[in-house]
Amino acid sequence: MSTTTRVSASERNKAANLTSFISILANALLAILQIIFGLITQSYSLIADATHTVSDLLSDFVVLVANRFAKEKADACHPYGHFRFETIAVLIIAVLLIIVGMQIITTSVGRLQNPAEMEVNAGLAFFIALIAILTKELLYRYMAKVAKRVDSTIIMANALHARSDAISSLVVAIGLAAHFLGLSYADLVASLIVGAMIAFMGVKMAWNSLMDLADRSVDKVTLDKITNAIRDTPGLVDFHDLKTRKTGDFVLVEMHLDLPAKMTIAEGHDIADEVERRIKAAVPLVTYVLTHFDPIPEKIE
């Protein structure tokens, strides 16, 4: 038996705003800490990680702005609602990650080719990196839990951004530990790896966002739930031309219903309503169901 419950749009908006505000506070404090001690310790990997944290701040503000537009009701210009503002926000976050990642890679490669004599205080920088790992991992776990509870793509995107931060901070910590043990290039190599990780995460998120904007269908598990809900509807002969597409976190569904030719319009309407009810019960993120009746002649024995 499914335990999926419908989450209201207002609850999803409140969750997005709350997680964004908490993330902004955590990332702002962490970025200040990383920049200050990155300069003090002369660790470029720590400064690169701080840049990643700053990009988190920007993505948090993007989420807040997108959430403001996404909750607007449907209007004449946007009859299906404004939910795709969330997808656009995820795409913007992805582009920010790609830009930040490529900038860090470029700078790291340049420094490796023209190394300057720098005394990195690896011990102190390592301690700051550990604080960053703990903060970002806790932030990821919190946002991922909320994203799953309200079934929000944009909150999960921000959570994964925090997780990528935690991983990048781990790389920084390993690089600083290696530098402390005598590998002089380890700090710059760590910053190069961090940049590549950030860029890769951005490319992956951008691709998924573009596919959603290109009217990608729902995943197979969700499609199977919709199909089973339709097939189990009493009075329905069959159905065909089932189409789904995502709009932000939500789903639009279209299909043709095969109904007995002698059935009245009122009876067909009742069956269509039951199909819609069953679909939304099986997949709460479905907000719109469009049906078309196709009359099926009775078989002559």
Protein backbone atom coordinates (compact mmCIF):
# COMPACT_ATOMS: atom_id res chain seq x y z
CA MET A 1 0.00 0.00 0.00
CA SER A 2 1.38 3.40 -0.95
CA THR A 3 2.16 5.78 1.88
CA THR A 4 2.60 8.78 -0.42
CA THR A 5 0.74 11.86 0.83
CA ARG A 6 -0.11 14.97 -1.10
CA VAL A 7 1.95 17.99 -0.12
CA SER A 8 0.31 21.35 -0.72
CA ALA A 9 2.01 24.00 -2.84
CA SER A 10 2.09 26.38 0.15
CA GLU A 11 3.85 23.77 2.30
CA ARG A 12 6.40 23.16 -0.45
CA ASN A 13 7.01 26.92 -0.78
CA LYS A 14 7.47 27.33 2.98
CA ALA A 15 9.93 24.43 3.01
CA ALA A 16 11.93 25.94 0.14
CA ASN A 17 12.07 29.33 1.86
CA LEU A 18 13.07 27.89 5.25
CA THR A 19 15.82 25.65 3.86
CA SER A 20 17.13 28.54 1.77
CA PHE A 21 17.32 30.91 4.74
CA ILE A 22 19.10 28.30 6.88
CA SER A 23 21.49 27.53 4.03
CA ILE A 24 22.19 31.24 3.47
CA LEU A 25 23.08 31.73 7.14
CA ALA A 26 25.31 28.65 7.27
CA ASN A 27 27.07 29.37 3.98
CA ALA A 28 27.61 33.06 4.75
CA LEU A 29 29.33 32.27 8.06
CA LEU A 30 31.32 29.43 6.49
CA ALA A 31 32.42 31.52 3.47
CA ILE A 32 33.69 34.30 5.75
CA LEU A 33 35.60 31.75 7.84
CA GLN A 34 37.13 30.04 4.79
CA ILE A 35 38.17 33.28 3.07
CA ILE A 36 39.77 34.75 6.18
CA PHE A 37 41.72 31.62 7.05
CA GLY A 38 42.43 30.85 3.40
CA LEU A 39 44.27 34.17 3.18
CA ILE A 40 45.93 33.73 6.56
CA THR A 41 47.15 30.20 5.78
CA GLN A 42 47.83 30.99 2.07
CA SER A 43 45.93 27.84 1.08
CA TYR A 44 44.51 28.18 -2.45
CA SER A 45 42.47 24.99 -2.06
CA LEU A 46 40.72 26.51 0.97
CA ILE A 47 40.07 29.71 -0.99
CA ALA A 48 38.73 27.65 -3.91
CA ASP A 49 36.41 25.86 -1.50
CA ALA A 50 35.30 29.26 -0.19
CA THR A 51 34.44 30.23 -3.77
CA HIS A 52 32.28 27.13 -3.98
CA THR A 53 30.57 28.18 -0.74
CA VAL A 54 29.90 31.65 -2.17
CA SER A 55 28.29 30.02 -5.21
CA ASP A 56 26.02 28.23 -2.72
CA LEU A 57 24.95 31.60 -1.39
CA LEU A 58 24.07 32.73 -4.90
CA SER A 59 22.12 29.54 -5.54
CA ASP A 60 20.19 30.04 -2.29
CA PHE A 61 19.09 33.48 -3.46
CA VAL A 62 18.14 32.01 -6.86
CA VAL A 63 15.95 29.44 -5.06
CA LEU A 64 14.21 32.19 -3.08
CA VAL A 65 13.49 34.24 -6.21
CA ALA A 66 12.31 31.21 -8.19
CA ASN A 67 10.11 30.09 -5.30
CA ARG A 68 8.49 33.53 -5.28
CA PHE A 69 7.51 33.23 -8.96
CA ALA A 70 6.70 29.50 -8.94
CA LYS A 71 3.91 29.87 -6.37
CA GLU A 72 2.01 32.36 -8.52
CA LYS A 73 -1.34 31.05 -9.72
CA ALA A 74 -2.02 30.23 -13.36
CA ASP A 75 -2.96 33.19 -15.53
CA ALA A 76 -3.77 33.97 -19.17
CA CYS A 77 -0.08 34.02 -20.15
CA HIS A 78 0.79 30.93 -18.08
CA PRO A 79 -2.32 28.71 -18.10
CA TYR A 80 -0.38 25.73 -16.70
CA GLY A 81 1.05 27.76 -13.81
CA HIS A 82 4.57 29.04 -13.14
CA PHE A 83 6.16 25.84 -11.84
CA ARG A 84 8.90 25.81 -14.47
CA PHE A 85 10.50 28.79 -12.80
CA GLU A 86 11.87 26.14 -10.41
CA THR A 87 13.46 24.24 -13.30
CA ILE A 88 14.93 27.48 -14.65
CA ALA A 89 16.35 28.17 -11.17
CA VAL A 90 18.03 24.75 -11.09
CA LEU A 91 19.51 25.51 -14.53
CA ILE A 92 20.88 28.84 -13.26
CA ILE A 93 22.43 27.08 -10.26
CA ALA A 94 24.01 24.57 -12.67
CA VAL A 95 25.49 27.34 -14.83
CA LEU A 96 26.92 29.00 -11.71
CA LEU A 97 28.57 25.71 -10.75
CA ILE A 98 30.09 25.29 -14.22
CA ILE A 99 31.47 28.85 -14.21
CA VAL A 100 32.91 28.51 -10.70
CA GLY A 101 34.40 25.09 -11.47
CA MET A 102 36.06 26.21 -14.72
CA GLN A 103 37.48 29.32 -13.02
CA ILE A 104 39.04 27.24 -10.25
CA ILE A 105 40.45 24.75 -12.80
CA THR A 106 41.98 27.55 -14.89
CA THR A 107 43.58 29.24 -11.90
CA SER A 108 44.86 25.97 -10.45
CA VAL A 109 46.46 24.90 -13.74
CA GLY A 110 48.07 28.32 -14.08
CA ARG A 111 49.56 28.13 -10.60
CA LEU A 112 50.82 24.59 -11.17
CA GLN A 113 52.58 25.74 -14.36
CA ASN A 114 54.06 28.80 -12.67
CA PRO A 115 54.47 27.79 -9.03
CA ALA A 116 55.22 30.54 -6.54
CA GLU A 117 56.98 29.95 -3.29
CA MET A 118 54.22 29.93 -0.67
CA GLU A 119 54.35 28.78 2.90
CA VAL A 120 50.98 27.14 3.47
CA ASN A 121 49.93 26.74 7.09
CA ALA A 122 48.45 23.35 6.31
CA GLY A 123 47.67 22.45 9.93
CA LEU A 124 45.38 25.43 10.58
CA ALA A 125 43.83 25.21 7.09
CA PHE A 126 43.14 21.50 7.66
CA PHE A 127 41.19 22.32 10.83
CA ILE A 128 39.05 24.85 8.94
CA ALA A 129 38.44 22.26 6.20
CA LEU A 130 37.14 19.81 8.82
CA ILE A 131 34.69 22.45 10.08
CA ALA A 132 33.53 22.98 6.48
CA ILE A 133 33.02 19.24 5.93
CA LEU A 134 30.88 18.91 9.06
CA THR A 135 28.81 22.03 8.32
CA LYS A 136 28.11 21.12 4.70
CA GLU A 137 27.29 17.49 5.41
CA LEU A 138 24.81 18.46 8.13
CA LEU A 139 23.28 21.02 5.77
CA TYR A 140 22.95 18.38 3.05
CA ARG A 141 21.26 15.88 5.37
CA TYR A 142 18.80 18.50 6.59
CA MET A 143 17.83 19.76 3.11
CA ALA A 144 17.68 16.27 1.59
CA LYS A 145 15.30 15.17 4.36
CA VAL A 146 13.04 18.16 3.71
CA ALA A 147 13.23 17.67 -0.08
CA LYS A 148 12.09 14.06 0.24
CA ARG A 149 9.30 14.99 2.63
CA VAL A 150 7.81 17.63 0.30
CA ASP A 151 9.05 15.97 -2.92
CA SER A 152 10.86 19.09 -4.17
CA THR A 153 13.36 18.99 -7.03
CA ILE A 154 14.72 22.45 -6.37
CA ILE A 155 15.38 21.78 -2.65
CA MET A 156 17.06 18.49 -3.56
CA ALA A 157 19.22 20.33 -6.14
CA ASN A 158 20.35 22.70 -3.41
CA ALA A 159 20.94 19.75 -1.08
CA LEU A 160 23.12 18.01 -3.66
CA HIS A 161 25.01 21.27 -4.08
CA ALA A 162 25.73 21.17 -0.34
CA ARG A 163 26.80 17.52 -0.60
CA SER A 164 29.19 18.40 -3.45
CA ASP A 165 30.58 21.09 -1.14
CA ALA A 166 31.14 18.54 1.61
CA ILE A 167 32.97 16.26 -0.83
CA SER A 168 35.06 19.13 -2.16
CA SER A 169 35.98 20.13 1.40
CA LEU A 170 37.03 16.52 2.00
CA VAL A 171 39.34 16.73 -1.03
CA VAL A 172 40.74 19.99 0.35
CA ALA A 173 41.39 18.33 3.73
CA ILE A 174 43.20 15.42 2.07
CA GLY A 175 45.28 17.81 -0.02
CA LEU A 176 46.21 19.87 3.03
CA ALA A 177 47.16 16.73 4.95
CA ALA A 178 49.40 15.68 2.04
CA HIS A 179 50.94 19.17 1.92
CA PHE A 180 51.61 18.98 5.66
CA LEU A 181 53.43 15.67 5.06
CA GLY A 182 55.72 17.30 2.51
CA LEU A 183 53.95 17.16 -0.89
CA SER A 184 54.31 20.83 -1.84
CA TYR A 185 51.93 20.71 -4.83
CA ALA A 186 49.17 18.87 -2.96
CA ASP A 187 47.25 22.06 -2.08
CA LEU A 188 47.03 23.16 -5.74
CA VAL A 189 46.21 19.64 -6.93
CA ALA A 190 43.38 19.55 -4.39
CA SER A 191 42.02 22.85 -5.70
CA LEU A 192 42.16 21.46 -9.27
CA ILE A 193 40.16 18.38 -8.23
CA VAL A 194 37.63 20.57 -6.42
CA GLY A 195 37.15 22.68 -9.55
CA ALA A 196 36.59 19.59 -11.71
CA MET A 197 34.05 18.19 -9.25
CA ILE A 198 32.12 21.45 -9.16
CA ALA A 199 32.05 21.73 -12.97
CA PHE A 200 30.93 18.10 -13.38
CA MET A 201 28.08 18.58 -10.90
CA GLY A 202 27.00 21.69 -12.81
CA VAL A 203 26.99 19.90 -16.18
CA LYS A 204 24.91 17.04 -14.75
CA MET A 205 22.35 19.40 -13.19
CA ALA A 206 22.18 21.52 -16.36
CA TRP A 207 21.49 18.47 -18.53
CA ASN A 208 18.64 17.29 -16.29
CA SER A 209 17.14 20.79 -16.22
CA LEU A 210 17.29 21.13 -20.01
CA MET A 211 15.60 17.74 -20.42
CA ASP A 212 12.76 18.84 -18.12
CA LEU A 213 12.39 22.11 -20.03
CA ALA A 214 12.21 20.03 -23.21
CA ASP A 215 9.05 18.29 -21.89
CA ARG A 216 10.72 15.10 -20.70
CA SER A 217 8.33 12.40 -19.56
CA VAL A 218 8.24 11.13 -15.98
CA ASP A 219 10.44 8.22 -14.94
CA LYS A 220 9.32 4.61 -15.51
CA VAL A 221 8.27 4.00 -11.90
CA THR A 222 5.99 7.03 -11.90
CA LEU A 223 4.64 6.16 -15.35
CA ASP A 224 3.81 2.64 -14.15
CA LYS A 225 1.89 4.08 -11.19
CA ILE A 226 -0.14 6.28 -13.54
CA THR A 227 -0.76 3.42 -15.97
CA ASN A 228 -1.94 1.05 -13.22
CA ALA A 229 -4.24 3.72 -11.77
CA ILE A 230 -5.91 4.19 -15.17
CA ARG A 231 -6.16 0.50 -15.97
CA ASP A 232 -7.93 -0.29 -12.68
CA THR A 233 -10.73 2.25 -13.28
CA PRO A 234 -14.18 0.57 -13.45
CA GLY A 235 -16.15 1.05 -16.67
CA LEU A 236 -13.08 1.88 -18.79
CA VAL A 237 -12.60 -0.36 -21.84
CA ASP A 238 -9.00 0.70 -22.52
CA PHE A 239 -6.81 3.75 -23.04
CA HIS A 240 -4.06 4.89 -25.41
CA ASP A 241 -1.81 7.84 -26.32
CA LEU A 242 -0.82 8.36 -22.68
CA LYS A 243 1.56 11.32 -22.41
CA THR A 244 3.24 12.89 -19.40
CA ARG A 245 5.52 15.88 -18.97
CA LYS A 246 7.14 17.59 -16.05
CA THR A 247 6.60 21.22 -15.10
CA GLY A 248 8.85 22.07 -12.19
CA ASP A 249 8.16 19.49 -9.48
CA PHE A 250 4.75 18.70 -10.91
CA VAL A 251 3.37 16.48 -13.67
CA LEU A 252 0.87 17.03 -16.49
CA VAL A 253 -0.96 14.02 -17.97
CA GLU A 254 -2.88 13.53 -21.23
CA MET A 255 -4.58 10.42 -22.65
CA HIS A 256 -7.39 9.00 -24.79
CA LEU A 257 -10.02 6.91 -22.99
CA ASP A 258 -11.77 4.08 -24.83
CA LEU A 259 -15.42 3.99 -23.72
CA PRO A 260 -18.51 2.07 -24.94
CA ALA A 261 -20.12 3.90 -27.87
CA LYS A 262 -23.60 3.76 -26.29
CA MET A 263 -22.42 5.30 -23.03
CA THR A 264 -23.85 8.75 -22.27
CA ILE A 265 -21.64 11.82 -22.03
CA ALA A 266 -22.47 12.06 -18.32
CA GLU A 267 -21.36 8.47 -17.72
CA GLY A 268 -18.16 9.03 -19.66
CA HIS A 269 -17.52 12.21 -17.68
CA ASP A 270 -17.89 10.33 -14.41
CA ILE A 271 -15.37 7.72 -15.54
CA ALA A 272 -12.93 10.45 -16.63
CA ASP A 273 -13.28 12.08 -13.20
CA GLU A 274 -12.57 8.74 -11.54
CA VAL A 275 -9.48 8.26 -13.74
CA GLU A 276 -8.20 11.68 -12.68
CA ARG A 277 -8.91 10.97 -9.01
CA ARG A 278 -7.05 7.65 -9.14
CA ILE A 279 -4.04 9.15 -10.94
CA LYS A 280 -3.69 11.98 -8.41
CA ALA A 281 -4.06 9.52 -5.54
CA ALA A 282 -1.28 7.33 -6.98
CA VAL A 283 1.00 10.25 -7.92
CA PRO A 284 0.25 13.34 -5.78
CA LEU A 285 2.50 15.56 -7.92
CA VAL A 286 0.07 15.26 -10.86
CA THR A 287 -1.75 18.60 -11.05
CA TYR A 288 -3.48 18.38 -14.42
CA VAL A 289 -5.16 15.52 -16.30
CA LEU A 290 -6.59 15.98 -19.81
CA THR A 291 -8.75 13.21 -21.27
CA HIS A 292 -10.33 12.61 -24.68
CA PHE A 293 -13.18 10.12 -25.26
CA ASP A 294 -12.96 7.55 -28.05
CA PRO A 295 -16.20 5.54 -28.65
CA ILE A 296 -15.72 1.77 -28.94
CA PRO A 297 -18.53 -0.13 -30.75
CA GLU A 298 -19.95 -3.10 -28.91
CA LYS A 299 -18.82 -6.47 -30.20
CA ILE A 300 -21.48 -8.44 -32.12
CA GLU A 301 -21.62 -12.03 -30.93
